[in-house]
Amino acid sequence: MEFTAKDFRDYFKVIVDMIEEQKDYLCELDRKLGDGDHGVTMSIGWQAIGKKLDNELADEEDSAKLNITVGKTFLSAVGSSVGPLYATGFMRGAKAIKNKPVLHDSDLKDYWVAFGNGIQERGQAEVGDKTMIDTLIPFVDGLEKSFSESQNFLDAFNKAVVAGEKGMKSTKDIISKRGRSSRLGERSVGAQDPGATSAYLIISTFLEFVEQRIEKVS
C-alpha cells in the first residue's frame, strides 16, 4: 500500500467534516462529565486545520511537514488540554515519517504508533483513567502486535481499531481519575468518555478512508 501527502490531506479533510457531524454528540457526552464543550473544541481545531488545507497546505508534498502544520494549527486554535495532546500526536507522527515522500505499510504503522504513544507521553494518563488513552493504547498495542505477525497494515489497523473501540466502550464502566470529571467520583460511571470517543472516531475514519481508497483503485 502507498500513501502520500495528498492522501493525508484528503483524510484530514474527511476528519474536518466528520467532526462537524459528530460535534453535538461529543458535546452531549461531555455534558455528563465536564463542560459540555468537547465537540465545540474539536470543531474549532479542525475548522482551523481545514482552512490551512485549502490554502497554504493545498500543494504541500511533504507528509511530515503537512502533519507538523496540522499539529501546530490545532494547538494554536484550541486552548484546552486536548490541544497539546493532539499536537504532540501529529508532530510525533511526522517525525516517524520524515523524508519519506511515499509511505508504505511499515511507515504507516510507525506513524500511528508514534501518534498514540506521543499523546500518552504528553498527557501522562494510563489505561483506566477514563481518557482518550483508553482508546489509543489498546489501539497502539493491537497495531504493533498484529503488524508484527502479518506485516499487512490494513489487516493490522483493522484489528487495532476494534481494540480501540473496546477501550472506548470500557470508559463507561470506569471512575474518572483525570481532569474536571474526576470531581464526580463514582457519578462518572455510566458515561462514555468524550475524549476516548473522538480519538476512536479519528482512527476509525482513517480505516474507512483507506478502505474506500483501496476500493477505488481495485
N, C-alpha and C. Protein backbone atom coordinates (compact mmCIF):
# COMPACT_ATOMS: atom_id res chain seq x y z
N MET A 1 0.83 -1.20 0.00
CA MET A 1 0.00 0.00 0.00
C MET A 1 0.87 1.26 0.00
N GLU A 2 0.45 2.25 -0.79
CA GLU A 2 1.19 3.51 -0.86
C GLU A 2 0.31 4.66 -0.37
N PHE A 3 0.93 5.59 0.34
CA PHE A 3 0.19 6.71 0.93
C PHE A 3 1.05 7.95 0.81
N THR A 4 0.47 9.04 0.30
CA THR A 4 1.23 10.27 0.04
C THR A 4 0.67 11.45 0.84
N ALA A 5 1.33 12.58 0.69
CA ALA A 5 0.85 13.81 1.34
C ALA A 5 -0.56 14.17 0.86
N LYS A 6 -0.84 13.91 -0.41
CA LYS A 6 -2.19 14.18 -0.93
C LYS A 6 -3.22 13.31 -0.21
N ASP A 7 -2.86 12.06 0.05
CA ASP A 7 -3.77 11.17 0.78
C ASP A 7 -4.00 11.68 2.21
N PHE A 8 -2.94 12.13 2.86
CA PHE A 8 -3.09 12.71 4.20
C PHE A 8 -4.03 13.91 4.16
N ARG A 9 -3.83 14.76 3.15
CA ARG A 9 -4.66 15.96 3.03
C ARG A 9 -6.13 15.58 2.85
N ASP A 10 -6.38 14.60 1.99
CA ASP A 10 -7.76 14.14 1.76
C ASP A 10 -8.35 13.54 3.03
N TYR A 11 -7.55 12.77 3.75
CA TYR A 11 -8.00 12.17 5.02
C TYR A 11 -8.35 13.26 6.04
N PHE A 12 -7.47 14.25 6.18
CA PHE A 12 -7.72 15.32 7.15
C PHE A 12 -8.99 16.10 6.80
N LYS A 13 -9.26 16.26 5.50
CA LYS A 13 -10.49 16.95 5.09
C LYS A 13 -11.72 16.15 5.49
N VAL A 14 -11.61 14.83 5.41
CA VAL A 14 -12.71 13.96 5.85
C VAL A 14 -12.93 14.13 7.36
N ILE A 15 -11.83 14.25 8.11
CA ILE A 15 -11.93 14.47 9.57
C ILE A 15 -12.64 15.79 9.87
N VAL A 16 -12.31 16.83 9.12
CA VAL A 16 -12.95 18.14 9.32
C VAL A 16 -14.47 17.98 9.23
N ASP A 17 -14.95 17.30 8.19
CA ASP A 17 -16.39 17.09 8.00
C ASP A 17 -16.98 16.18 9.07
N MET A 18 -16.25 15.12 9.40
CA MET A 18 -16.73 14.15 10.39
C MET A 18 -16.91 14.80 11.75
N ILE A 19 -15.95 15.62 12.16
CA ILE A 19 -16.04 16.29 13.47
C ILE A 19 -17.25 17.22 13.51
N GLU A 20 -17.53 17.90 12.40
CA GLU A 20 -18.73 18.76 12.35
C GLU A 20 -20.00 17.93 12.55
N GLU A 21 -20.03 16.77 11.91
CA GLU A 21 -21.20 15.89 12.04
C GLU A 21 -21.36 15.36 13.46
N GLN A 22 -20.24 15.10 14.13
CA GLN A 22 -20.26 14.48 15.46
C GLN A 22 -20.19 15.51 16.60
N LYS A 23 -20.11 16.78 16.26
CA LYS A 23 -19.90 17.83 17.25
C LYS A 23 -20.92 17.78 18.39
N ASP A 24 -22.20 17.72 18.03
CA ASP A 24 -23.26 17.73 19.05
C ASP A 24 -23.20 16.48 19.92
N TYR A 25 -22.92 15.34 19.30
CA TYR A 25 -22.81 14.07 20.04
C TYR A 25 -21.67 14.14 21.06
N LEU A 26 -20.53 14.68 20.64
CA LEU A 26 -19.37 14.78 21.55
C LEU A 26 -19.67 15.76 22.70
N CYS A 27 -20.40 16.82 22.41
CA CYS A 27 -20.78 17.77 23.47
C CYS A 27 -21.76 17.11 24.44
N GLU A 28 -22.65 16.32 23.88
CA GLU A 28 -23.65 15.61 24.73
C GLU A 28 -22.93 14.66 25.70
N LEU A 29 -21.95 13.92 25.20
CA LEU A 29 -21.16 13.04 26.07
C LEU A 29 -20.44 13.85 27.14
N ASP A 30 -19.91 15.01 26.74
CA ASP A 30 -19.12 15.83 27.66
C ASP A 30 -19.98 16.51 28.72
N ARG A 31 -21.25 16.73 28.40
CA ARG A 31 -22.15 17.35 29.40
C ARG A 31 -22.31 16.46 30.63
N LYS A 32 -22.18 15.15 30.43
CA LYS A 32 -22.33 14.22 31.56
C LYS A 32 -21.09 14.19 32.44
N LEU A 33 -19.97 14.69 31.90
CA LEU A 33 -18.69 14.56 32.63
C LEU A 33 -17.93 15.87 32.84
N GLY A 34 -18.14 16.84 31.96
CA GLY A 34 -17.31 18.06 32.05
C GLY A 34 -18.08 19.31 31.69
N ASP A 35 -17.44 20.15 30.86
CA ASP A 35 -18.03 21.45 30.49
C ASP A 35 -19.07 21.33 29.38
N GLY A 36 -19.11 20.19 28.72
CA GLY A 36 -20.06 20.02 27.62
C GLY A 36 -19.58 20.67 26.33
N ASP A 37 -18.27 20.93 26.24
CA ASP A 37 -17.79 21.66 25.06
C ASP A 37 -16.78 20.87 24.21
N HIS A 38 -16.62 19.57 24.47
CA HIS A 38 -15.59 18.82 23.74
C HIS A 38 -15.81 18.86 22.23
N GLY A 39 -17.06 18.73 21.80
CA GLY A 39 -17.36 18.77 20.37
C GLY A 39 -17.03 20.12 19.76
N VAL A 40 -17.34 21.19 20.49
CA VAL A 40 -17.04 22.54 20.01
C VAL A 40 -15.53 22.75 19.92
N THR A 41 -14.82 22.30 20.96
CA THR A 41 -13.36 22.41 20.98
C THR A 41 -12.73 21.69 19.79
N MET A 42 -13.16 20.45 19.56
CA MET A 42 -12.62 19.68 18.42
C MET A 42 -12.96 20.36 17.10
N SER A 43 -14.17 20.89 17.01
CA SER A 43 -14.60 21.58 15.79
C SER A 43 -13.74 22.81 15.52
N ILE A 44 -13.47 23.61 16.55
CA ILE A 44 -12.64 24.81 16.38
C ILE A 44 -11.26 24.41 15.83
N GLY A 45 -10.67 23.38 16.42
CA GLY A 45 -9.36 22.91 15.97
C GLY A 45 -9.37 22.43 14.54
N TRP A 46 -10.35 21.62 14.20
CA TRP A 46 -10.38 21.04 12.85
C TRP A 46 -10.84 22.02 11.78
N GLN A 47 -11.68 22.99 12.15
CA GLN A 47 -12.04 24.05 11.19
C GLN A 47 -10.80 24.87 10.82
N ALA A 48 -9.96 25.14 11.83
CA ALA A 48 -8.70 25.87 11.57
C ALA A 48 -7.80 25.06 10.65
N ILE A 49 -7.73 23.75 10.90
CA ILE A 49 -6.93 22.86 10.03
C ILE A 49 -7.50 22.86 8.61
N GLY A 50 -8.83 22.81 8.50
CA GLY A 50 -9.48 22.82 7.19
C GLY A 50 -9.08 24.03 6.35
N LYS A 51 -9.01 25.20 7.00
CA LYS A 51 -8.60 26.43 6.28
C LYS A 51 -7.16 26.31 5.78
N LYS A 52 -6.29 25.74 6.61
CA LYS A 52 -4.88 25.56 6.21
C LYS A 52 -4.79 24.59 5.02
N LEU A 53 -5.58 23.52 5.07
CA LEU A 53 -5.55 22.52 4.00
C LEU A 53 -5.95 23.12 2.66
N ASP A 54 -6.87 24.08 2.70
CA ASP A 54 -7.34 24.70 1.46
C ASP A 54 -6.43 25.81 0.97
N ASN A 55 -5.54 26.29 1.84
CA ASN A 55 -4.69 27.42 1.47
C ASN A 55 -3.22 27.02 1.44
N GLU A 56 -2.47 27.28 2.53
CA GLU A 56 -1.03 27.08 2.45
C GLU A 56 -0.60 25.62 2.32
N LEU A 57 -1.49 24.68 2.71
CA LEU A 57 -1.13 23.25 2.59
C LEU A 57 -1.67 22.60 1.32
N ALA A 58 -2.33 23.39 0.48
CA ALA A 58 -3.01 22.84 -0.70
C ALA A 58 -2.05 22.07 -1.63
N ASP A 59 -0.81 22.53 -1.72
CA ASP A 59 0.15 21.89 -2.62
C ASP A 59 1.32 21.24 -1.88
N GLU A 60 1.20 21.09 -0.57
CA GLU A 60 2.30 20.51 0.23
C GLU A 60 2.50 19.04 -0.15
N GLU A 61 3.73 18.70 -0.52
CA GLU A 61 4.01 17.32 -0.95
C GLU A 61 4.81 16.53 0.08
N ASP A 62 5.11 17.16 1.21
CA ASP A 62 5.87 16.51 2.27
C ASP A 62 4.92 16.11 3.40
N SER A 63 4.71 14.81 3.56
CA SER A 63 3.75 14.32 4.58
C SER A 63 4.12 14.77 5.98
N ALA A 64 5.42 14.78 6.29
CA ALA A 64 5.87 15.18 7.63
C ALA A 64 5.56 16.65 7.88
N LYS A 65 5.89 17.52 6.91
CA LYS A 65 5.62 18.96 7.06
C LYS A 65 4.11 19.20 7.20
N LEU A 66 3.33 18.47 6.44
CA LEU A 66 1.87 18.58 6.50
C LEU A 66 1.37 18.27 7.91
N ASN A 67 1.86 17.18 8.48
CA ASN A 67 1.45 16.78 9.82
C ASN A 67 1.91 17.76 10.89
N ILE A 68 3.11 18.32 10.72
CA ILE A 68 3.61 19.31 11.68
C ILE A 68 2.70 20.54 11.68
N THR A 69 2.33 21.00 10.49
CA THR A 69 1.45 22.17 10.40
C THR A 69 0.07 21.87 10.97
N VAL A 70 -0.44 20.68 10.72
CA VAL A 70 -1.74 20.27 11.28
C VAL A 70 -1.67 20.30 12.81
N GLY A 71 -0.60 19.75 13.36
CA GLY A 71 -0.44 19.73 14.83
C GLY A 71 -0.34 21.13 15.41
N LYS A 72 0.48 21.98 14.79
CA LYS A 72 0.66 23.36 15.28
C LYS A 72 -0.63 24.16 15.15
N THR A 73 -1.36 23.94 14.07
CA THR A 73 -2.62 24.66 13.85
C THR A 73 -3.64 24.28 14.91
N PHE A 74 -3.73 22.98 15.20
CA PHE A 74 -4.67 22.52 16.22
C PHE A 74 -4.31 23.15 17.57
N LEU A 75 -3.03 23.16 17.88
CA LEU A 75 -2.55 23.70 19.16
C LEU A 75 -2.89 25.18 19.30
N SER A 76 -2.65 25.96 18.24
CA SER A 76 -2.90 27.40 18.35
C SER A 76 -4.40 27.72 18.35
N ALA A 77 -5.21 26.84 17.75
CA ALA A 77 -6.66 27.10 17.70
C ALA A 77 -7.37 26.66 18.98
N VAL A 78 -6.83 25.64 19.64
CA VAL A 78 -7.51 25.04 20.78
C VAL A 78 -6.74 25.33 22.07
N GLY A 79 -7.38 26.04 22.97
CA GLY A 79 -6.71 26.40 24.22
C GLY A 79 -6.76 25.33 25.29
N SER A 80 -7.71 24.42 25.17
CA SER A 80 -7.91 23.43 26.25
C SER A 80 -6.82 22.37 26.25
N SER A 81 -6.89 21.48 27.22
CA SER A 81 -5.84 20.47 27.40
C SER A 81 -5.69 19.53 26.20
N VAL A 82 -6.74 19.39 25.41
CA VAL A 82 -6.67 18.47 24.27
C VAL A 82 -5.76 19.02 23.16
N GLY A 83 -5.55 20.34 23.13
CA GLY A 83 -4.71 20.96 22.09
C GLY A 83 -3.29 20.41 22.05
N PRO A 84 -2.57 20.49 23.18
CA PRO A 84 -1.20 19.96 23.19
C PRO A 84 -1.12 18.45 22.95
N LEU A 85 -2.17 17.73 23.33
CA LEU A 85 -2.16 16.27 23.17
C LEU A 85 -2.17 15.90 21.69
N TYR A 86 -3.16 16.40 20.96
CA TYR A 86 -3.21 16.08 19.53
C TYR A 86 -2.04 16.69 18.77
N ALA A 87 -1.62 17.89 19.17
CA ALA A 87 -0.46 18.50 18.52
C ALA A 87 0.75 17.59 18.64
N THR A 88 0.97 17.05 19.84
CA THR A 88 2.09 16.13 20.06
C THR A 88 1.94 14.87 19.21
N GLY A 89 0.72 14.34 19.15
CA GLY A 89 0.46 13.14 18.35
C GLY A 89 0.84 13.33 16.89
N PHE A 90 0.38 14.44 16.29
CA PHE A 90 0.68 14.68 14.88
C PHE A 90 2.16 14.98 14.65
N MET A 91 2.77 15.69 15.59
CA MET A 91 4.19 16.00 15.42
C MET A 91 5.09 14.78 15.58
N ARG A 92 4.73 13.91 16.53
CA ARG A 92 5.48 12.65 16.68
C ARG A 92 5.28 11.77 15.44
N GLY A 93 4.06 11.76 14.95
CA GLY A 93 3.78 11.01 13.71
C GLY A 93 4.63 11.52 12.57
N ALA A 94 4.74 12.85 12.48
CA ALA A 94 5.55 13.49 11.44
C ALA A 94 7.01 13.06 11.52
N LYS A 95 7.51 13.00 12.75
CA LYS A 95 8.91 12.62 12.96
C LYS A 95 9.16 11.19 12.46
N ALA A 96 8.17 10.33 12.64
CA ALA A 96 8.31 8.91 12.25
C ALA A 96 8.34 8.72 10.73
N ILE A 97 7.83 9.72 9.99
CA ILE A 97 7.75 9.57 8.52
C ILE A 97 8.59 10.62 7.79
N LYS A 98 9.51 11.24 8.50
CA LYS A 98 10.34 12.31 7.93
C LYS A 98 11.12 11.81 6.70
N ASN A 99 11.20 12.67 5.69
CA ASN A 99 11.96 12.39 4.46
C ASN A 99 11.45 11.17 3.68
N LYS A 100 10.15 10.88 3.84
CA LYS A 100 9.57 9.76 3.07
C LYS A 100 8.43 10.30 2.21
N PRO A 101 8.68 10.53 0.92
CA PRO A 101 7.63 11.10 0.06
C PRO A 101 6.45 10.15 -0.13
N VAL A 102 6.74 8.85 -0.15
CA VAL A 102 5.67 7.86 -0.28
C VAL A 102 5.76 6.89 0.90
N LEU A 103 4.64 6.72 1.61
CA LEU A 103 4.64 5.82 2.77
C LEU A 103 4.11 4.45 2.37
N HIS A 104 4.73 3.42 2.95
CA HIS A 104 4.27 2.05 2.74
C HIS A 104 3.77 1.49 4.08
N ASP A 105 3.41 0.23 4.09
CA ASP A 105 2.75 -0.37 5.26
C ASP A 105 3.49 -0.10 6.57
N SER A 106 4.79 -0.37 6.59
CA SER A 106 5.53 -0.23 7.85
C SER A 106 5.64 1.24 8.27
N ASP A 107 5.67 2.16 7.29
CA ASP A 107 5.73 3.60 7.60
C ASP A 107 4.42 4.06 8.25
N LEU A 108 3.31 3.58 7.72
CA LEU A 108 2.00 3.95 8.28
C LEU A 108 1.83 3.39 9.69
N LYS A 109 2.33 2.18 9.89
CA LYS A 109 2.30 1.59 11.24
C LYS A 109 3.12 2.46 12.19
N ASP A 110 4.31 2.84 11.76
CA ASP A 110 5.19 3.68 12.60
C ASP A 110 4.53 5.02 12.91
N TYR A 111 3.86 5.58 11.93
CA TYR A 111 3.18 6.87 12.11
C TYR A 111 2.13 6.79 13.23
N TRP A 112 1.27 5.79 13.15
CA TRP A 112 0.17 5.69 14.12
C TRP A 112 0.66 5.28 15.51
N VAL A 113 1.69 4.46 15.56
CA VAL A 113 2.27 4.09 16.87
C VAL A 113 2.88 5.33 17.52
N ALA A 114 3.61 6.13 16.74
CA ALA A 114 4.21 7.37 17.26
C ALA A 114 3.13 8.36 17.69
N PHE A 115 2.06 8.42 16.92
CA PHE A 115 0.93 9.31 17.23
C PHE A 115 0.33 8.96 18.60
N GLY A 116 -0.02 7.69 18.80
CA GLY A 116 -0.64 7.27 20.06
C GLY A 116 0.29 7.36 21.24
N ASN A 117 1.53 6.91 21.06
CA ASN A 117 2.50 6.96 22.17
C ASN A 117 2.85 8.40 22.53
N GLY A 118 2.91 9.27 21.53
CA GLY A 118 3.20 10.69 21.77
C GLY A 118 2.14 11.33 22.65
N ILE A 119 0.89 11.02 22.37
CA ILE A 119 -0.22 11.57 23.16
C ILE A 119 -0.14 11.06 24.60
N GLN A 120 0.16 9.78 24.76
CA GLN A 120 0.25 9.26 26.13
C GLN A 120 1.41 9.91 26.90
N GLU A 121 2.55 10.02 26.24
CA GLU A 121 3.72 10.63 26.91
C GLU A 121 3.44 12.07 27.31
N ARG A 122 2.74 12.81 26.45
CA ARG A 122 2.44 14.21 26.75
C ARG A 122 1.42 14.33 27.89
N GLY A 123 0.39 13.48 27.85
CA GLY A 123 -0.69 13.61 28.83
C GLY A 123 -0.46 12.86 30.13
N GLN A 124 0.44 11.89 30.09
CA GLN A 124 0.79 11.10 31.29
C GLN A 124 -0.38 10.32 31.88
N ALA A 125 -1.42 10.09 31.10
CA ALA A 125 -2.55 9.28 31.58
C ALA A 125 -2.27 7.80 31.32
N GLU A 126 -2.94 6.95 32.06
CA GLU A 126 -2.80 5.50 31.90
C GLU A 126 -4.15 4.91 31.48
N VAL A 127 -4.10 3.70 30.94
CA VAL A 127 -5.35 2.98 30.66
C VAL A 127 -6.07 2.79 32.00
N GLY A 128 -7.36 3.11 32.01
CA GLY A 128 -8.13 3.00 33.24
C GLY A 128 -8.40 4.34 33.91
N ASP A 129 -7.81 5.42 33.36
CA ASP A 129 -8.05 6.76 33.91
C ASP A 129 -9.29 7.43 33.33
N LYS A 130 -9.93 6.79 32.35
CA LYS A 130 -11.11 7.32 31.67
C LYS A 130 -10.74 8.56 30.84
N THR A 131 -9.84 8.34 29.88
CA THR A 131 -9.43 9.40 28.96
C THR A 131 -9.28 8.81 27.56
N MET A 132 -8.79 9.63 26.63
CA MET A 132 -8.55 9.16 25.26
C MET A 132 -7.52 8.02 25.22
N ILE A 133 -6.71 7.91 26.26
CA ILE A 133 -5.70 6.84 26.33
C ILE A 133 -6.35 5.46 26.40
N ASP A 134 -7.56 5.39 26.94
CA ASP A 134 -8.28 4.10 26.98
C ASP A 134 -8.61 3.60 25.58
N THR A 135 -8.70 4.50 24.62
CA THR A 135 -8.84 4.13 23.21
C THR A 135 -7.47 3.90 22.57
N LEU A 136 -6.56 4.86 22.79
CA LEU A 136 -5.33 4.90 22.00
C LEU A 136 -4.30 3.83 22.34
N ILE A 137 -4.16 3.47 23.61
CA ILE A 137 -3.13 2.48 23.94
C ILE A 137 -3.54 1.06 23.52
N PRO A 138 -4.78 0.62 23.74
CA PRO A 138 -5.16 -0.68 23.16
C PRO A 138 -5.02 -0.69 21.63
N PHE A 139 -5.32 0.46 21.01
CA PHE A 139 -5.16 0.60 19.55
C PHE A 139 -3.70 0.44 19.14
N VAL A 140 -2.80 1.16 19.82
CA VAL A 140 -1.35 1.10 19.50
C VAL A 140 -0.81 -0.30 19.76
N ASP A 141 -1.14 -0.86 20.91
CA ASP A 141 -0.66 -2.21 21.25
C ASP A 141 -1.16 -3.24 20.23
N GLY A 142 -2.43 -3.10 19.85
CA GLY A 142 -3.03 -4.00 18.87
C GLY A 142 -2.37 -3.87 17.51
N LEU A 143 -2.06 -2.63 17.13
CA LEU A 143 -1.44 -2.38 15.83
C LEU A 143 -0.03 -2.99 15.77
N GLU A 144 0.75 -2.76 16.82
CA GLU A 144 2.12 -3.30 16.85
C GLU A 144 2.11 -4.83 16.81
N LYS A 145 1.25 -5.41 17.63
CA LYS A 145 1.19 -6.88 17.73
C LYS A 145 0.73 -7.50 16.40
N SER A 146 -0.38 -6.98 15.87
CA SER A 146 -0.93 -7.54 14.63
C SER A 146 0.01 -7.33 13.45
N PHE A 147 0.66 -6.15 13.40
CA PHE A 147 1.55 -5.88 12.26
C PHE A 147 2.79 -6.77 12.32
N SER A 148 3.29 -7.02 13.53
CA SER A 148 4.48 -7.88 13.65
C SER A 148 4.17 -9.30 13.18
N GLU A 149 2.90 -9.70 13.30
CA GLU A 149 2.50 -11.05 12.87
C GLU A 149 2.22 -11.12 11.37
N SER A 150 1.54 -10.09 10.83
CA SER A 150 1.07 -10.18 9.44
C SER A 150 1.88 -9.35 8.44
N GLN A 151 2.55 -8.27 8.91
CA GLN A 151 3.22 -7.30 8.02
C GLN A 151 2.25 -6.69 7.02
N ASN A 152 0.96 -6.77 7.35
CA ASN A 152 -0.08 -6.21 6.48
C ASN A 152 -0.75 -5.07 7.23
N PHE A 153 -0.54 -3.83 6.76
CA PHE A 153 -1.03 -2.67 7.51
C PHE A 153 -2.54 -2.66 7.66
N LEU A 154 -3.24 -2.86 6.55
CA LEU A 154 -4.71 -2.75 6.61
C LEU A 154 -5.31 -3.78 7.56
N ASP A 155 -4.83 -4.99 7.49
CA ASP A 155 -5.32 -6.06 8.37
C ASP A 155 -5.02 -5.70 9.84
N ALA A 156 -3.79 -5.25 10.10
CA ALA A 156 -3.38 -4.91 11.47
C ALA A 156 -4.15 -3.70 11.98
N PHE A 157 -4.36 -2.70 11.12
CA PHE A 157 -5.06 -1.49 11.53
C PHE A 157 -6.52 -1.80 11.86
N ASN A 158 -7.10 -2.68 11.06
CA ASN A 158 -8.48 -3.12 11.31
C ASN A 158 -8.63 -3.71 12.71
N LYS A 159 -7.72 -4.60 13.06
CA LYS A 159 -7.75 -5.23 14.39
C LYS A 159 -7.49 -4.20 15.49
N ALA A 160 -6.59 -3.26 15.19
CA ALA A 160 -6.25 -2.22 16.17
C ALA A 160 -7.45 -1.31 16.46
N VAL A 161 -8.21 -0.99 15.42
CA VAL A 161 -9.40 -0.14 15.60
C VAL A 161 -10.45 -0.86 16.45
N VAL A 162 -10.58 -2.17 16.25
CA VAL A 162 -11.50 -2.97 17.09
C VAL A 162 -11.07 -2.90 18.55
N ALA A 163 -9.75 -3.01 18.79
CA ALA A 163 -9.22 -2.92 20.16
C ALA A 163 -9.47 -1.53 20.75
N GLY A 164 -9.32 -0.50 19.91
CA GLY A 164 -9.58 0.87 20.34
C GLY A 164 -11.03 1.10 20.69
N GLU A 165 -11.92 0.50 19.89
CA GLU A 165 -13.37 0.63 20.16
C GLU A 165 -13.74 -0.03 21.49
N LYS A 166 -13.15 -1.18 21.74
CA LYS A 166 -13.37 -1.88 23.00
C LYS A 166 -12.91 -1.01 24.18
N GLY A 167 -11.74 -0.38 23.99
CA GLY A 167 -11.21 0.51 25.01
C GLY A 167 -12.11 1.71 25.26
N MET A 168 -12.61 2.30 24.17
CA MET A 168 -13.53 3.44 24.27
C MET A 168 -14.77 3.05 25.07
N LYS A 169 -15.36 1.91 24.71
CA LYS A 169 -16.59 1.46 25.39
C LYS A 169 -16.34 1.14 26.87
N SER A 170 -15.12 0.71 27.18
CA SER A 170 -14.80 0.37 28.58
C SER A 170 -14.85 1.60 29.49
N THR A 171 -14.73 2.81 28.89
CA THR A 171 -14.72 4.01 29.73
C THR A 171 -16.06 4.24 30.42
N LYS A 172 -17.12 3.62 29.90
CA LYS A 172 -18.43 3.74 30.57
C LYS A 172 -18.38 3.19 32.00
N ASP A 173 -17.58 2.16 32.19
CA ASP A 173 -17.56 1.45 33.48
C ASP A 173 -16.47 1.94 34.43
N ILE A 174 -15.75 2.99 34.03
CA ILE A 174 -14.59 3.45 34.80
C ILE A 174 -14.93 4.72 35.59
N ILE A 175 -14.38 4.81 36.80
CA ILE A 175 -14.46 6.06 37.57
C ILE A 175 -13.37 6.98 37.02
N SER A 176 -13.74 8.21 36.72
CA SER A 176 -12.77 9.15 36.14
C SER A 176 -11.70 9.54 37.16
N LYS A 177 -10.45 9.50 36.70
CA LYS A 177 -9.33 9.86 37.58
C LYS A 177 -8.57 11.08 37.08
N ARG A 178 -9.04 11.66 35.98
CA ARG A 178 -8.30 12.77 35.37
C ARG A 178 -9.23 13.95 35.07
N GLY A 179 -8.68 15.14 35.14
CA GLY A 179 -9.41 16.32 34.68
C GLY A 179 -10.63 16.65 35.52
N ARG A 180 -11.47 17.50 34.94
CA ARG A 180 -12.66 18.01 35.63
C ARG A 180 -13.61 16.90 36.07
N SER A 181 -13.73 15.88 35.21
CA SER A 181 -14.70 14.80 35.51
C SER A 181 -14.29 13.98 36.73
N SER A 182 -13.00 14.07 37.15
CA SER A 182 -12.56 13.30 38.32
C SER A 182 -13.27 13.76 39.60
N ARG A 183 -13.77 15.00 39.58
CA ARG A 183 -14.51 15.51 40.74
C ARG A 183 -15.82 14.77 40.97
N LEU A 184 -16.31 14.16 39.91
CA LEU A 184 -17.60 13.45 40.01
C LEU A 184 -17.48 12.12 40.76
N GLY A 185 -16.26 11.59 40.85
CA GLY A 185 -16.06 10.31 41.53
C GLY A 185 -16.91 9.22 40.90
N GLU A 186 -17.66 8.51 41.74
CA GLU A 186 -18.46 7.38 41.24
C GLU A 186 -19.60 7.81 40.32
N ARG A 187 -19.96 9.06 40.37
CA ARG A 187 -21.03 9.55 39.48
C ARG A 187 -20.57 9.58 38.02
N SER A 188 -19.25 9.45 37.81
CA SER A 188 -18.75 9.43 36.43
C SER A 188 -18.97 8.06 35.76
N VAL A 189 -19.29 7.05 36.55
CA VAL A 189 -19.55 5.72 35.99
C VAL A 189 -20.87 5.75 35.20
N GLY A 190 -20.85 5.09 34.03
CA GLY A 190 -22.05 5.04 33.20
C GLY A 190 -21.99 5.97 32.01
N ALA A 191 -21.04 6.93 32.04
CA ALA A 191 -20.88 7.88 30.92
C ALA A 191 -19.60 7.55 30.14
N GLN A 192 -19.74 7.49 28.82
CA GLN A 192 -18.57 7.22 27.98
C GLN A 192 -17.73 8.48 27.83
N ASP A 193 -16.43 8.34 27.93
CA ASP A 193 -15.55 9.50 27.88
C ASP A 193 -15.54 10.14 26.49
N PRO A 194 -15.78 11.46 26.41
CA PRO A 194 -15.81 12.12 25.09
C PRO A 194 -14.46 12.12 24.38
N GLY A 195 -13.37 12.25 25.16
CA GLY A 195 -12.03 12.23 24.54
C GLY A 195 -11.70 10.88 23.94
N ALA A 196 -12.08 9.82 24.65
CA ALA A 196 -11.88 8.46 24.13
C ALA A 196 -12.71 8.26 22.86
N THR A 197 -13.88 8.91 22.83
CA THR A 197 -14.78 8.78 21.69
C THR A 197 -14.24 9.51 20.46
N SER A 198 -13.76 10.75 20.64
CA SER A 198 -13.24 11.48 19.48
C SER A 198 -11.96 10.83 18.95
N ALA A 199 -11.15 10.28 19.86
CA ALA A 199 -9.94 9.56 19.42
C ALA A 199 -10.32 8.34 18.58
N TYR A 200 -11.36 7.63 19.03
CA TYR A 200 -11.83 6.47 18.27
C TYR A 200 -12.34 6.90 16.88
N LEU A 201 -13.07 8.01 16.84
CA LEU A 201 -13.62 8.49 15.56
C LEU A 201 -12.50 8.84 14.58
N ILE A 202 -11.40 9.38 15.09
CA ILE A 202 -10.26 9.75 14.23
C ILE A 202 -9.58 8.51 13.63
N ILE A 203 -9.41 7.46 14.45
CA ILE A 203 -8.75 6.26 13.91
C ILE A 203 -9.71 5.44 13.04
N SER A 204 -10.98 5.37 13.42
CA SER A 204 -11.93 4.58 12.62
C SER A 204 -12.20 5.26 11.28
N THR A 205 -12.15 6.59 11.25
CA THR A 205 -12.31 7.32 9.99
C THR A 205 -11.12 7.06 9.07
N PHE A 206 -9.94 6.91 9.64
CA PHE A 206 -8.76 6.58 8.82
C PHE A 206 -8.95 5.20 8.17
N LEU A 207 -9.46 4.26 8.95
CA LEU A 207 -9.71 2.91 8.41
C LEU A 207 -10.69 2.98 7.24
N GLU A 208 -11.80 3.69 7.43
CA GLU A 208 -12.80 3.84 6.35
C GLU A 208 -12.17 4.51 5.13
N PHE A 209 -11.38 5.55 5.38
CA PHE A 209 -10.75 6.30 4.29
C PHE A 209 -9.84 5.39 3.46
N VAL A 210 -9.02 4.61 4.14
CA VAL A 210 -8.08 3.72 3.44
C VAL A 210 -8.82 2.62 2.69
N GLU A 211 -9.85 2.07 3.32
CA GLU A 211 -10.63 1.01 2.65
C GLU A 211 -11.31 1.53 1.38
N GLN A 212 -11.87 2.73 1.46
CA GLN A 212 -12.54 3.32 0.28
C GLN A 212 -11.53 3.61 -0.83
N ARG A 213 -10.33 4.05 -0.42
CA ARG A 213 -9.29 4.35 -1.38
C ARG A 213 -8.84 3.09 -2.12
N ILE A 214 -8.72 2.00 -1.37
CA ILE A 214 -8.31 0.73 -1.98
C ILE A 214 -9.39 0.23 -2.95
N GLU A 215 -10.65 0.42 -2.55
CA GLU A 215 -11.78 0.01 -3.43
C GLU A 215 -11.73 0.75 -4.76
N LYS A 216 -11.46 2.05 -4.69
CA LYS A 216 -11.41 2.87 -5.93
C LYS A 216 -10.30 2.38 -6.85
N VAL A 217 -9.16 2.03 -6.28
CA VAL A 217 -8.00 1.60 -7.08
C VAL A 217 -8.26 0.23 -7.71
N SER A 218 -8.91 -0.66 -6.93
CA SER A 218 -9.09 -2.05 -7.40
C SER A 218 -10.30 -2.21 -8.29
